PDB file of N, CA and C in Angstrom:
ATOM      1  N   UNK A   1      77.462-136.413  52.023  1.00  0.00           N
ATOM      2  CA  UNK A   1      77.375-135.453  50.925  1.00  0.00           C
ATOM      3  C   UNK A   1      78.331-135.819  49.790  1.00  0.00           C
ATOM      4  N   UNK A   2      79.568-136.110  50.138  1.00  0.00           N
ATOM      5  CA  UNK A   2      80.549-136.481  49.111  1.00  0.00           C
ATOM      6  C   UNK A   2      80.164-137.793  48.444  1.00  0.00           C
ATOM      7  N   UNK A   3      79.589-138.721  49.233  1.00  0.00           N
ATOM      8  CA  UNK A   3      79.163-140.004  48.667  1.00  0.00           C
ATOM      9  C   UNK A   3      78.101-139.793  47.591  1.00  0.00           C
ATOM     10  N   UNK A   4      77.200-138.858  47.835  1.00  0.00           N
ATOM     11  CA  UNK A   4      76.160-138.571  46.846  1.00  0.00           C
ATOM     12  C   UNK A   4      76.772-138.054  45.551  1.00  0.00           C
ATOM     13  N   UNK A   5      77.762-137.205  45.664  1.00  0.00           N
ATOM     14  CA  UNK A   5      78.405-136.658  44.458  1.00  0.00           C
ATOM     15  C   UNK A   5      79.142-137.746  43.693  1.00  0.00           C
ATOM     16  N   UNK A   6      79.777-138.656  44.422  1.00  0.00           N
ATOM     17  CA  UNK A   6      80.487-139.762  43.769  1.00  0.00           C
ATOM     18  C   UNK A   6      79.491-140.654  43.039  1.00  0.00           C
ATOM     19  N   UNK A   7      78.377-140.975  43.705  1.00  0.00           N
ATOM     20  CA  UNK A   7      77.350-141.809  43.070  1.00  0.00           C
ATOM     21  C   UNK A   7      76.787-141.113  41.831  1.00  0.00           C
ATOM     22  N   UNK A   8      76.532-139.821  41.936  1.00  0.00           N
ATOM     23  CA  UNK A   8      76.015-139.068  40.798  1.00  0.00           C
ATOM     24  C   UNK A   8      77.009-139.090  39.643  1.00  0.00           C
ATOM     25  N   UNK A   9      78.279-138.912  39.943  1.00  0.00           N
ATOM     26  CA  UNK A   9      79.310-138.943  38.901  1.00  0.00           C
ATOM     27  C   UNK A   9      79.365-140.313  38.234  1.00  0.00           C
ATOM     28  N   UNK A  10      79.257-141.374  39.020  1.00  0.00           N
ATOM     29  CA  UNK A  10      79.270-142.731  38.453  1.00  0.00           C
ATOM     30  C   UNK A  10      78.075-142.939  37.533  1.00  0.00           C
ATOM     31  N   UNK A  11      76.906-142.483  37.976  1.00  0.00           N
ATOM     32  CA  UNK A  11      75.710-142.636  37.150  1.00  0.00           C
ATOM     33  C   UNK A  11      75.817-141.840  35.857  1.00  0.00           C
ATOM     34  N   UNK A  12      76.379-140.641  35.945  1.00  0.00           N
ATOM     35  CA  UNK A  12      76.548-139.826  34.740  1.00  0.00           C
ATOM     36  C   UNK A  12      77.525-140.487  33.773  1.00  0.00           C
ATOM     37  N   UNK A  13      78.566-141.105  34.296  1.00  0.00           N
ATOM     38  CA  UNK A  13      79.522-141.812  33.436  1.00  0.00           C
ATOM     39  C   UNK A  13      78.845-142.988  32.745  1.00  0.00           C
ATOM     40  N   UNK A  14      78.013-143.726  33.482  1.00  0.00           N
ATOM     41  CA  UNK A  14      77.298-144.857  32.892  1.00  0.00           C
ATOM     42  C   UNK A  14      76.335-144.380  31.809  1.00  0.00           C
ATOM     43  N   UNK A  15      75.646-143.282  32.083  1.00  0.00           N
ATOM     44  CA  UNK A  15      74.707-142.734  31.108  1.00  0.00           C
ATOM     45  C   UNK A  15      75.441-142.280  29.848  1.00  0.00           C
ATOM     46  N   UNK A  16      76.586-141.635  30.013  1.00  0.00           N
ATOM     47  CA  UNK A  16      77.374-141.184  28.872  1.00  0.00           C
ATOM     48  C   UNK A  16      77.851-142.378  28.051  1.00  0.00           C
ATOM     49  N   UNK A  17      78.293-143.440  28.720  1.00  0.00           N
ATOM     50  CA  UNK A  17      78.752-144.648  28.027  1.00  0.00           C
ATOM     51  C   UNK A  17      77.599-145.269  27.242  1.00  0.00           C
ATOM     52  N   UNK A  18      76.419-145.302  27.850  1.00  0.00           N
ATOM     53  CA  UNK A  18      75.250-145.854  27.165  1.00  0.00           C
ATOM     54  C   UNK A  18      74.913-145.026  25.928  1.00  0.00           C
ATOM     55  N   UNK A  19      75.023-143.710  26.030  1.00  0.00           N
ATOM     56  CA  UNK A  19      74.759-142.846  24.876  1.00  0.00           C
ATOM     57  C   UNK A  19      75.791-143.090  23.778  1.00  0.00           C
ATOM     58  N   UNK A  20      77.053-143.230  24.167  1.00  0.00           N
ATOM     59  CA  UNK A  20      78.092-143.528  23.167  1.00  0.00           C
ATOM     60  C   UNK A  20      77.800-144.842  22.461  1.00  0.00           C
ATOM     61  N   UNK A  21      77.398-145.868  23.228  1.00  0.00           N
ATOM     62  CA  UNK A  21      77.055-147.163  22.635  1.00  0.00           C
ATOM     63  C   UNK A  21      75.878-147.012  21.676  1.00  0.00           C
ATOM     64  N   UNK A  22      74.866-146.273  22.107  1.00  0.00           N
ATOM     65  CA  UNK A  22      73.690-146.051  21.269  1.00  0.00           C
ATOM     66  C   UNK A  22      74.078-145.365  19.962  1.00  0.00           C
ATOM     67  N   UNK A  23      74.943-144.361  20.055  1.00  0.00           N
ATOM     68  CA  UNK A  23      75.375-143.644  18.850  1.00  0.00           C
ATOM     69  C   UNK A  23      76.056-144.587  17.868  1.00  0.00           C
ATOM     70  N   UNK A  24      76.758-145.579  18.362  1.00  0.00           N
ATOM     71  CA  UNK A  24      77.481-146.512  17.498  1.00  0.00           C
ATOM     72  C   UNK A  24      76.538-147.465  16.773  1.00  0.00           C
ATOM     73  N   UNK A  25      75.422-147.861  17.425  1.00  0.00           N
ATOM     74  CA  UNK A  25      74.585-148.920  16.854  1.00  0.00           C
ATOM     75  C   UNK A  25      73.241-148.435  16.331  1.00  0.00           C
ATOM     76  N   UNK A  26      72.878-147.183  16.616  1.00  0.00           N
ATOM     77  CA  UNK A  26      71.557-146.684  16.227  1.00  0.00           C
ATOM     78  C   UNK A  26      71.458-146.507  14.717  1.00  0.00           C
ATOM     79  N   UNK A  27      70.291-146.841  14.211  1.00  0.00           N
ATOM     80  CA  UNK A  27      70.000-146.567  12.806  1.00  0.00           C
ATOM     81  C   UNK A  27      69.608-145.095  12.689  1.00  0.00           C
ATOM     82  N   UNK A  28      69.619-144.557  11.484  1.00  0.00           N
ATOM     83  CA  UNK A  28      69.197-143.154  11.323  1.00  0.00           C
ATOM     84  C   UNK A  28      67.794-142.884  11.873  1.00  0.00           C
ATOM     85  N   UNK A  29      66.871-143.825  11.701  1.00  0.00           N
ATOM     86  CA  UNK A  29      65.511-143.640  12.219  1.00  0.00           C
ATOM     87  C   UNK A  29      65.531-143.582  13.745  1.00  0.00           C
ATOM     88  N   UNK A  30      66.261-144.500  14.370  1.00  0.00           N
ATOM     89  CA  UNK A  30      66.360-144.498  15.832  1.00  0.00           C
ATOM     90  C   UNK A  30      66.998-143.201  16.324  1.00  0.00           C
ATOM     91  N   UNK A  31      68.003-142.741  15.622  1.00  0.00           N
ATOM     92  CA  UNK A  31      68.693-141.515  16.022  1.00  0.00           C
ATOM     93  C   UNK A  31      67.750-140.318  15.919  1.00  0.00           C
ATOM     94  N   UNK A  32      66.943-140.254  14.856  1.00  0.00           N
ATOM     95  CA  UNK A  32      65.981-139.155  14.704  1.00  0.00           C
ATOM     96  C   UNK A  32      64.942-139.175  15.815  1.00  0.00           C
ATOM     97  N   UNK A  33      64.467-140.359  16.183  1.00  0.00           N
ATOM     98  CA  UNK A  33      63.506-140.472  17.287  1.00  0.00           C
ATOM     99  C   UNK A  33      64.150-139.999  18.581  1.00  0.00           C
ATOM    100  N   UNK A  34      65.375-140.399  18.801  1.00  0.00           N
ATOM    101  CA  UNK A  34      66.105-139.968  20.005  1.00  0.00           C
ATOM    102  C   UNK A  34      66.179-138.444  20.060  1.00  0.00           C
ATOM    103  N   UNK A  35      66.521-137.816  18.954  1.00  0.00           N
ATOM    104  CA  UNK A  35      66.654-136.358  18.927  1.00  0.00           C
ATOM    105  C   UNK A  35      65.310-135.664  19.143  1.00  0.00           C
ATOM    106  N   UNK A  36      64.233-136.246  18.592  1.00  0.00           N
ATOM    107  CA  UNK A  36      62.907-135.657  18.794  1.00  0.00           C
ATOM    108  C   UNK A  36      62.503-135.738  20.263  1.00  0.00           C
ATOM    109  N   UNK A  37      62.728-136.880  20.881  1.00  0.00           N
ATOM    110  CA  UNK A  37      62.354-137.052  22.287  1.00  0.00           C
ATOM    111  C   UNK A  37      63.213-136.182  23.195  1.00  0.00           C
ATOM    112  N   UNK A  38      64.471-136.050  22.844  1.00  0.00           N
ATOM    113  CA  UNK A  38      65.398-135.260  23.661  1.00  0.00           C
ATOM    114  C   UNK A  38      64.999-133.790  23.692  1.00  0.00           C
ATOM    115  N   UNK A  39      64.444-133.293  22.597  1.00  0.00           N
ATOM    116  CA  UNK A  39      64.117-131.870  22.511  1.00  0.00           C
ATOM    117  C   UNK A  39      62.881-131.490  23.318  1.00  0.00           C
ATOM    118  N   UNK A  40      62.117-132.474  23.789  1.00  0.00           N
ATOM    119  CA  UNK A  40      60.894-132.177  24.557  1.00  0.00           C
ATOM    120  C   UNK A  40      61.204-131.832  25.982  1.00  0.00           C
TER     121      UNK A  40
END
């Protein structure tokens, strides 16, 4: 059970890092598409 939580936390950290990277390099058009898809 604890192992699952640790794995989930690691995956969430990786996902957050990927989002931060995306925010740094995304163009305004890419960012708008991201926001549209996220809202669905």
